Amino acid sequence: MIDILQELHDKYLPVDKQKVDREEVVSILEHLFIGGDQLTDERANNCKAARSDGNTKFERLEGFISKVEDWHAIRILYQVR
């Protein structure tokens, strides 16, 4: 899951890359939502916790905000009267 989030960060997250003292500094321009079921949300949060020792928000995988999109549970809730 960490590899998946890292690839999403690299490909789809709007960032600004600048060279400062021969190092590339990446700053996040906009946060994006990533959705899934409750297990996906938990795994995404655990991946962020595993990378919490990074120096920047980009290294800590903080560009995506995970949220639960449990469509089936919502549909079942609407059917209950």
PDB file of N, CA and C in Angstrom:
ATOM      1  N   MET A   1       0.832  -1.191   0.000  1.00  0.00           N
ATOM      2  CA  MET A   1       0.000   0.000   0.000  1.00  0.00           C
ATOM      3  C   MET A   1       0.879   1.258   0.000  1.00  0.00           C
ATOM      4  N   ILE A   2       2.014   1.195   0.668  1.00  0.00           N
ATOM      5  CA  ILE A   2       2.919   2.348   0.659  1.00  0.00           C
ATOM      6  C   ILE A   2       3.401   2.617  -0.763  1.00  0.00           C
ATOM      7  N   ASP A   3       3.701   1.560  -1.510  1.00  0.00           N
ATOM      8  CA  ASP A   3       4.129   1.734  -2.897  1.00  0.00           C
ATOM      9  C   ASP A   3       3.026   2.363  -3.747  1.00  0.00           C
ATOM     10  N   ILE A   4       1.785   1.976  -3.491  1.00  0.00           N
ATOM     11  CA  ILE A   4       0.659   2.544  -4.235  1.00  0.00           C
ATOM     12  C   ILE A   4       0.521   4.027  -3.930  1.00  0.00           C
ATOM     13  N   LEU A   5       0.540   4.395  -2.649  1.00  0.00           N
ATOM     14  CA  LEU A   5       0.430   5.809  -2.289  1.00  0.00           C
ATOM     15  C   LEU A   5       1.609   6.621  -2.820  1.00  0.00           C
ATOM     16  N   GLN A   6       2.795   6.030  -2.794  1.00  0.00           N
ATOM     17  CA  GLN A   6       3.970   6.726  -3.311  1.00  0.00           C
ATOM     18  C   GLN A   6       3.827   6.971  -4.810  1.00  0.00           C
ATOM     19  N   GLU A   7       3.335   5.981  -5.545  1.00  0.00           N
ATOM     20  CA  GLU A   7       3.144   6.144  -6.985  1.00  0.00           C
ATOM     21  C   GLU A   7       2.074   7.195  -7.283  1.00  0.00           C
ATOM     22  N   LEU A   8       0.997   7.201  -6.509  1.00  0.00           N
ATOM     23  CA  LEU A   8      -0.035   8.222  -6.689  1.00  0.00           C
ATOM     24  C   LEU A   8       0.517   9.617  -6.413  1.00  0.00           C
ATOM     25  N   HIS A   9       1.352   9.744  -5.387  1.00  0.00           N
ATOM     26  CA  HIS A   9       2.001  11.020  -5.086  1.00  0.00           C
ATOM     27  C   HIS A   9       2.877  11.464  -6.251  1.00  0.00           C
ATOM     28  N   ASP A  10       3.641  10.535  -6.791  1.00  0.00           N
ATOM     29  CA  ASP A  10       4.575  10.876  -7.859  1.00  0.00           C
ATOM     30  C   ASP A  10       3.869  11.264  -9.153  1.00  0.00           C
ATOM     31  N   LYS A  11       2.752  10.606  -9.460  1.00  0.00           N
ATOM     32  CA  LYS A  11       2.104  10.808 -10.755  1.00  0.00           C
ATOM     33  C   LYS A  11       1.001  11.862 -10.762  1.00  0.00           C
ATOM     34  N   TYR A  12       0.195  11.940  -9.701  1.00  0.00           N
ATOM     35  CA  TYR A  12      -1.044  12.703  -9.778  1.00  0.00           C
ATOM     36  C   TYR A  12      -1.148  13.910  -8.852  1.00  0.00           C
ATOM     37  N   LEU A  13      -0.288  14.024  -7.890  1.00  0.00           N
ATOM     38  CA  LEU A  13      -0.389  15.105  -6.921  1.00  0.00           C
ATOM     39  C   LEU A  13       0.218  16.392  -7.484  1.00  0.00           C
ATOM     40  N   PRO A  14      -0.523  17.501  -7.465  1.00  0.00           N
ATOM     41  CA  PRO A  14       0.055  18.763  -7.954  1.00  0.00           C
ATOM     42  C   PRO A  14       1.098  19.291  -6.971  1.00  0.00           C
ATOM     43  N   VAL A  15       2.343  19.349  -7.435  1.00  0.00           N
ATOM     44  CA  VAL A  15       3.459  19.769  -6.588  1.00  0.00           C
ATOM     45  C   VAL A  15       4.292  20.823  -7.303  1.00  0.00           C
ATOM     46  N   ASP A  16       5.094  21.513  -6.528  1.00  0.00           N
ATOM     47  CA  ASP A  16       6.055  22.481  -7.045  1.00  0.00           C
ATOM     48  C   ASP A  16       7.443  21.992  -6.657  1.00  0.00           C
ATOM     49  N   LYS A  17       8.271  21.727  -7.672  1.00  0.00           N
ATOM     50  CA  LYS A  17       9.629  21.231  -7.423  1.00  0.00           C
ATOM     51  C   LYS A  17      10.616  22.351  -7.684  1.00  0.00           C
ATOM     52  N   GLN A  18      11.484  22.610  -6.704  1.00  0.00           N
ATOM     53  CA  GLN A  18      12.494  23.657  -6.827  1.00  0.00           C
ATOM     54  C   GLN A  18      13.842  23.110  -6.366  1.00  0.00           C
ATOM     55  N   LYS A  19      14.891  23.633  -6.955  1.00  0.00           N
ATOM     56  CA  LYS A  19      16.254  23.275  -6.539  1.00  0.00           C
ATOM     57  C   LYS A  19      16.738  24.293  -5.519  1.00  0.00           C
ATOM     58  N   VAL A  20      17.112  23.822  -4.337  1.00  0.00           N
ATOM     59  CA  VAL A  20      17.655  24.668  -3.282  1.00  0.00           C
ATOM     60  C   VAL A  20      18.934  24.004  -2.783  1.00  0.00           C
ATOM     61  N   ASP A  21      20.040  24.685  -2.970  1.00  0.00           N
ATOM     62  CA  ASP A  21      21.345  24.158  -2.535  1.00  0.00           C
ATOM     63  C   ASP A  21      21.596  22.741  -3.065  1.00  0.00           C
ATOM     64  N   ARG A  22      21.397  22.560  -4.357  1.00  0.00           N
ATOM     65  CA  ARG A  22      21.602  21.282  -5.045  1.00  0.00           C
ATOM     66  C   ARG A  22      20.677  20.164  -4.573  1.00  0.00           C
ATOM     67  N   GLU A  23      19.637  20.494  -3.829  1.00  0.00           N
ATOM     68  CA  GLU A  23      18.650  19.505  -3.407  1.00  0.00           C
ATOM     69  C   GLU A  23      17.298  19.896  -3.993  1.00  0.00           C
ATOM     70  N   GLU A  24      16.519  18.887  -4.348  1.00  0.00           N
ATOM     71  CA  GLU A  24      15.191  19.148  -4.882  1.00  0.00           C
ATOM     72  C   GLU A  24      14.195  19.242  -3.728  1.00  0.00           C
ATOM     73  N   VAL A  25      13.521  20.374  -3.631  1.00  0.00           N
ATOM     74  CA  VAL A  25      12.512  20.598  -2.598  1.00  0.00           C
ATOM     75  C   VAL A  25      11.138  20.500  -3.254  1.00  0.00           C
ATOM     76  N   VAL A  26      10.308  19.622  -2.732  1.00  0.00           N
ATOM     77  CA  VAL A  26       8.983  19.402  -3.285  1.00  0.00           C
ATOM     78  C   VAL A  26       7.955  19.937  -2.301  1.00  0.00           C
ATOM     79  N   SER A  27       7.113  20.858  -2.756  1.00  0.00           N
ATOM     80  CA  SER A  27       6.038  21.361  -1.902  1.00  0.00           C
ATOM     81  C   SER A  27       4.701  21.027  -2.555  1.00  0.00           C
ATOM     82  N   ILE A  28       3.762  20.633  -1.740  1.00  0.00           N
ATOM     83  CA  ILE A  28       2.441  20.222  -2.210  1.00  0.00           C
ATOM     84  C   ILE A  28       1.595  21.464  -2.458  1.00  0.00           C
ATOM     85  N   LEU A  29       1.041  21.566  -3.674  1.00  0.00           N
ATOM     86  CA  LEU A  29       0.214  22.713  -4.023  1.00  0.00           C
ATOM     87  C   LEU A  29      -1.240  22.533  -3.604  1.00  0.00           C
ATOM     88  N   GLU A  30      -1.721  21.305  -3.693  1.00  0.00           N
ATOM     89  CA  GLU A  30      -3.127  21.042  -3.382  1.00  0.00           C
ATOM     90  C   GLU A  30      -3.270  19.621  -2.855  1.00  0.00           C
ATOM     91  N   HIS A  31      -4.064  19.450  -1.819  1.00  0.00           N
ATOM     92  CA  HIS A  31      -4.342  18.114  -1.282  1.00  0.00           C
ATOM     93  C   HIS A  31      -5.506  17.508  -2.059  1.00  0.00           C
ATOM     94  N   LEU A  32      -5.444  16.205  -2.277  1.00  0.00           N
ATOM     95  CA  LEU A  32      -6.489  15.489  -2.995  1.00  0.00           C
ATOM     96  C   LEU A  32      -7.087  14.412  -2.105  1.00  0.00           C
ATOM     97  N   PHE A  33      -8.338  14.059  -2.389  1.00  0.00           N
ATOM     98  CA  PHE A  33      -9.001  12.989  -1.651  1.00  0.00           C
ATOM     99  C   PHE A  33      -8.730  11.660  -2.330  1.00  0.00           C
ATOM    100  N   ILE A  34      -8.599  10.632  -1.523  1.00  0.00           N
ATOM    101  CA  ILE A  34      -8.515   9.260  -2.022  1.00  0.00           C
ATOM    102  C   ILE A  34      -9.535   8.469  -1.217  1.00  0.00           C
ATOM    103  N   GLY A  35     -10.417   7.772  -1.911  1.00  0.00           N
ATOM    104  CA  GLY A  35     -11.504   7.107  -1.222  1.00  0.00           C
ATOM    105  C   GLY A  35     -11.497   5.609  -1.426  1.00  0.00           C
ATOM    106  N   GLY A  36     -12.194   4.939  -0.561  1.00  0.00           N
ATOM    107  CA  GLY A  36     -12.332   3.494  -0.635  1.00  0.00           C
ATOM    108  C   GLY A  36     -13.175   3.010   0.529  1.00  0.00           C
ATOM    109  N   ASP A  37     -13.158   1.708   0.730  1.00  0.00           N
ATOM    110  CA  ASP A  37     -13.909   1.170   1.859  1.00  0.00           C
ATOM    111  C   ASP A  37     -13.144   1.424   3.164  1.00  0.00           C
ATOM    112  N   GLN A  38     -13.687   0.935   4.264  1.00  0.00           N
ATOM    113  CA  GLN A  38     -13.079   1.214   5.567  1.00  0.00           C
ATOM    114  C   GLN A  38     -11.686   0.605   5.690  1.00  0.00           C
ATOM    115  N   LEU A  39     -11.467  -0.555   5.091  1.00  0.00           N
ATOM    116  CA  LEU A  39     -10.164  -1.202   5.157  1.00  0.00           C
ATOM    117  C   LEU A  39      -9.121  -0.393   4.377  1.00  0.00           C
ATOM    118  N   THR A  40      -9.501   0.111   3.214  1.00  0.00           N
ATOM    119  CA  THR A  40      -8.586   0.944   2.426  1.00  0.00           C
ATOM    120  C   THR A  40      -8.238   2.220   3.170  1.00  0.00           C
ATOM    121  N   ASP A  41      -9.226   2.817   3.817  1.00  0.00           N
ATOM    122  CA  ASP A  41      -8.985   4.027   4.603  1.00  0.00           C
ATOM    123  C   ASP A  41      -8.021   3.748   5.751  1.00  0.00           C
ATOM    124  N   GLU A  42      -8.218   2.630   6.429  1.00  0.00           N
ATOM    125  CA  GLU A  42      -7.328   2.263   7.537  1.00  0.00           C
ATOM    126  C   GLU A  42      -5.901   2.005   7.045  1.00  0.00           C
ATOM    127  N   ARG A  43      -5.786   1.317   5.926  1.00  0.00           N
ATOM    128  CA  ARG A  43      -4.454   1.025   5.378  1.00  0.00           C
ATOM    129  C   ARG A  43      -3.742   2.303   4.943  1.00  0.00           C
ATOM    130  N   ALA A  44      -4.483   3.230   4.343  1.00  0.00           N
ATOM    131  CA  ALA A  44      -3.874   4.498   3.933  1.00  0.00           C
ATOM    132  C   ALA A  44      -3.385   5.275   5.152  1.00  0.00           C
ATOM    133  N   ASN A  45      -4.168   5.300   6.213  1.00  0.00           N
ATOM    134  CA  ASN A  45      -3.751   6.000   7.429  1.00  0.00           C
ATOM    135  C   ASN A  45      -2.541   5.324   8.073  1.00  0.00           C
ATOM    136  N   ASN A  46      -2.494   3.985   8.026  1.00  0.00           N
ATOM    137  CA  ASN A  46      -1.332   3.270   8.570  1.00  0.00           C
ATOM    138  C   ASN A  46      -0.078   3.534   7.746  1.00  0.00           C
ATOM    139  N   CYS A  47      -0.229   3.685   6.435  1.00  0.00           N
ATOM    140  CA  CYS A  47       0.923   4.017   5.581  1.00  0.00           C
ATOM    141  C   CYS A  47       1.459   5.397   5.921  1.00  0.00           C
ATOM    142  N   LYS A  48       0.560   6.332   6.155  1.00  0.00           N
ATOM    143  CA  LYS A  48       0.996   7.673   6.559  1.00  0.00           C
ATOM    144  C   LYS A  48       1.717   7.620   7.901  1.00  0.00           C
ATOM    145  N   ALA A  49       1.221   6.796   8.808  1.00  0.00           N
ATOM    146  CA  ALA A  49       1.875   6.664  10.113  1.00  0.00           C
ATOM    147  C   ALA A  49       3.258   6.028   9.960  1.00  0.00           C
ATOM    148  N   ALA A  50       3.387   5.085   9.023  1.00  0.00           N
ATOM    149  CA  ALA A  50       4.683   4.442   8.806  1.00  0.00           C
ATOM    150  C   ALA A  50       5.704   5.412   8.216  1.00  0.00           C
ATOM    151  N   ARG A  51       5.235   6.391   7.473  1.00  0.00           N
ATOM    152  CA  ARG A  51       6.127   7.382   6.867  1.00  0.00           C
ATOM    153  C   ARG A  51       6.164   8.692   7.657  1.00  0.00           C
ATOM    154  N   SER A  52       5.702   8.693   8.884  1.00  0.00           N
ATOM    155  CA  SER A  52       5.596   9.925   9.670  1.00  0.00           C
ATOM    156  C   SER A  52       6.947  10.520  10.062  1.00  0.00           C
ATOM    157  N   ASP A  53       8.020   9.797   9.826  1.00  0.00           N
ATOM    158  CA  ASP A  53       9.337  10.327  10.169  1.00  0.00           C
ATOM    159  C   ASP A  53       9.993  11.083   9.010  1.00  0.00           C
ATOM    160  N   GLY A  54       9.253  11.323   7.931  1.00  0.00           N
ATOM    161  CA  GLY A  54       9.796  12.062   6.793  1.00  0.00           C
ATOM    162  C   GLY A  54      10.012  13.532   7.120  1.00  0.00           C
ATOM    163  N   ASN A  55      10.861  14.177   6.343  1.00  0.00           N
ATOM    164  CA  ASN A  55      11.184  15.586   6.597  1.00  0.00           C
ATOM    165  C   ASN A  55      10.145  16.542   6.042  1.00  0.00           C
ATOM    166  N   THR A  56       9.476  16.173   4.965  1.00  0.00           N
ATOM    167  CA  THR A  56       8.501  17.068   4.332  1.00  0.00           C
ATOM    168  C   THR A  56       7.144  16.382   4.261  1.00  0.00           C
ATOM    169  N   LYS A  57       6.119  17.172   3.960  1.00  0.00           N
ATOM    170  CA  LYS A  57       4.787  16.600   3.796  1.00  0.00           C
ATOM    171  C   LYS A  57       4.755  15.610   2.648  1.00  0.00           C
ATOM    172  N   PHE A  58       5.520  15.886   1.601  1.00  0.00           N
ATOM    173  CA  PHE A  58       5.576  14.976   0.456  1.00  0.00           C
ATOM    174  C   PHE A  58       6.185  13.640   0.862  1.00  0.00           C
ATOM    175  N   GLU A  59       7.242  13.653   1.639  1.00  0.00           N
ATOM    176  CA  GLU A  59       7.868  12.406   2.108  1.00  0.00           C
ATOM    177  C   GLU A  59       6.981  11.663   3.097  1.00  0.00           C
ATOM    178  N   ARG A  60       6.145  12.392   3.824  1.00  0.00           N
ATOM    179  CA  ARG A  60       5.238  11.768   4.797  1.00  0.00           C
ATOM    180  C   ARG A  60       3.932  11.314   4.158  1.00  0.00           C
ATOM    181  N   LEU A  61       3.820  11.436   2.836  1.00  0.00           N
ATOM    182  CA  LEU A  61       2.629  11.030   2.078  1.00  0.00           C
ATOM    183  C   LEU A  61       1.378  11.753   2.548  1.00  0.00           C
ATOM    184  N   GLU A  62       1.508  13.033   2.862  1.00  0.00           N
ATOM    185  CA  GLU A  62       0.380  13.813   3.360  1.00  0.00           C
ATOM    186  C   GLU A  62      -0.377  14.545   2.255  1.00  0.00           C
ATOM    187  N   GLY A  63      -0.102  14.238   1.009  1.00  0.00           N
ATOM    188  CA  GLY A  63      -0.768  14.919  -0.095  1.00  0.00           C
ATOM    189  C   GLY A  63      -2.194  14.453  -0.315  1.00  0.00           C
ATOM    190  N   PHE A  64      -2.483  13.224   0.075  1.00  0.00           N
ATOM    191  CA  PHE A  64      -3.818  12.677  -0.086  1.00  0.00           C
ATOM    192  C   PHE A  64      -4.522  12.605   1.255  1.00  0.00           C
ATOM    193  N   ILE A  65      -5.801  12.931   1.241  1.00  0.00           N
ATOM    194  CA  ILE A  65      -6.656  12.814   2.419  1.00  0.00           C
ATOM    195  C   ILE A  65      -7.558  11.618   2.179  1.00  0.00           C
ATOM    196  N   SER A  66      -7.436  10.595   3.001  1.00  0.00           N
ATOM    197  CA  SER A  66      -8.246   9.394   2.797  1.00  0.00           C
ATOM    198  C   SER A  66      -9.617   9.575   3.418  1.00  0.00           C
ATOM    199  N   LYS A  67     -10.613   8.990   2.742  1.00  0.00           N
ATOM    200  CA  LYS A  67     -11.980   9.057   3.258  1.00  0.00           C
ATOM    201  C   LYS A  67     -12.708   7.775   2.908  1.00  0.00           C
ATOM    202  N   VAL A  68     -13.700   7.448   3.697  1.00  0.00           N
ATOM    203  CA  VAL A  68     -14.478   6.232   3.498  1.00  0.00           C
ATOM    204  C   VAL A  68     -15.587   6.526   2.499  1.00  0.00           C
ATOM    205  N   GLU A  69     -15.656   5.715   1.465  1.00  0.00           N
ATOM    206  CA  GLU A  69     -16.727   5.821   0.480  1.00  0.00           C
ATOM    207  C   GLU A  69     -17.430   4.475   0.406  1.00  0.00           C
ATOM    208  N   ASP A  70     -18.096   4.139   1.458  1.00  0.00           N
ATOM    209  CA  ASP A  70     -18.754   2.833   1.537  1.00  0.00           C
ATOM    210  C   ASP A  70     -20.147   2.943   0.935  1.00  0.00           C
ATOM    211  N   TRP A  71     -20.208   2.863  -0.372  1.00  0.00           N
ATOM    212  CA  TRP A  71     -21.444   3.059  -1.119  1.00  0.00           C
ATOM    213  C   TRP A  71     -22.501   2.041  -0.720  1.00  0.00           C
ATOM    214  N   HIS A  72     -22.103   0.782  -0.538  1.00  0.00           N
ATOM    215  CA  HIS A  72     -23.073  -0.262  -0.216  1.00  0.00           C
ATOM    216  C   HIS A  72     -23.705  -0.035   1.151  1.00  0.00           C
ATOM    217  N   ALA A  73     -22.935   0.381   2.122  1.00  0.00           N
ATOM    218  CA  ALA A  73     -23.490   0.637   3.455  1.00  0.00           C
ATOM    219  C   ALA A  73     -24.478   1.799   3.418  1.00  0.00           C
ATOM    220  N   ILE A  74     -24.178   2.812   2.633  1.00  0.00           N
ATOM    221  CA  ILE A  74     -25.089   3.952   2.520  1.00  0.00           C
ATOM    222  C   ILE A  74     -26.396   3.520   1.853  1.00  0.00           C
ATOM    223  N   ARG A  75     -26.301   2.710   0.802  1.00  0.00           N
ATOM    224  CA  ARG A  75     -27.507   2.220   0.123  1.00  0.00           C
ATOM    225  C   ARG A  75     -28.358   1.384   1.066  1.00  0.00           C
ATOM    226  N   ILE A  76     -27.749   0.518   1.862  1.00  0.00           N
ATOM    227  CA  ILE A  76     -28.490  -0.297   2.802  1.00  0.00           C
ATOM    228  C   ILE A  76     -29.133   0.574   3.878  1.00  0.00           C
ATOM    229  N   LEU A  77     -28.437   1.608   4.307  1.00  0.00           N
ATOM    230  CA  LEU A  77     -28.983   2.518   5.301  1.00  0.00           C
ATOM    231  C   LEU A  77     -30.234   3.210   4.771  1.00  0.00           C
ATOM    232  N   TYR A  78     -30.228   3.611   3.513  1.00  0.00           N
ATOM    233  CA  TYR A  78     -31.402   4.265   2.920  1.00  0.00           C
ATOM    234  C   TYR A  78     -32.580   3.307   2.786  1.00  0.00           C
ATOM    235  N   GLN A  79     -32.313   2.013   2.668  1.00  0.00           N
ATOM    236  CA  GLN A  79     -33.392   1.033   2.531  1.00  0.00           C
ATOM    237  C   GLN A  79     -34.048   0.712   3.868  1.00  0.00           C
ATOM    238  N   VAL A  80     -33.365   0.963   4.975  1.00  0.00           N
ATOM    239  CA  VAL A  80     -33.919   0.679   6.290  1.00  0.00           C
ATOM    240  C   VAL A  80     -34.937   1.754   6.627  1.00  0.00           C
ATOM    241  N   ARG A  81     -36.099   1.334   7.083  1.00  0.00           N
ATOM    242  CA  ARG A  81     -37.141   2.319   7.442  1.00  0.00           C
ATOM    243  C   ARG A  81     -37.449   2.284   8.895  1.00  0.00           C
TER     244      ARG A  81
END
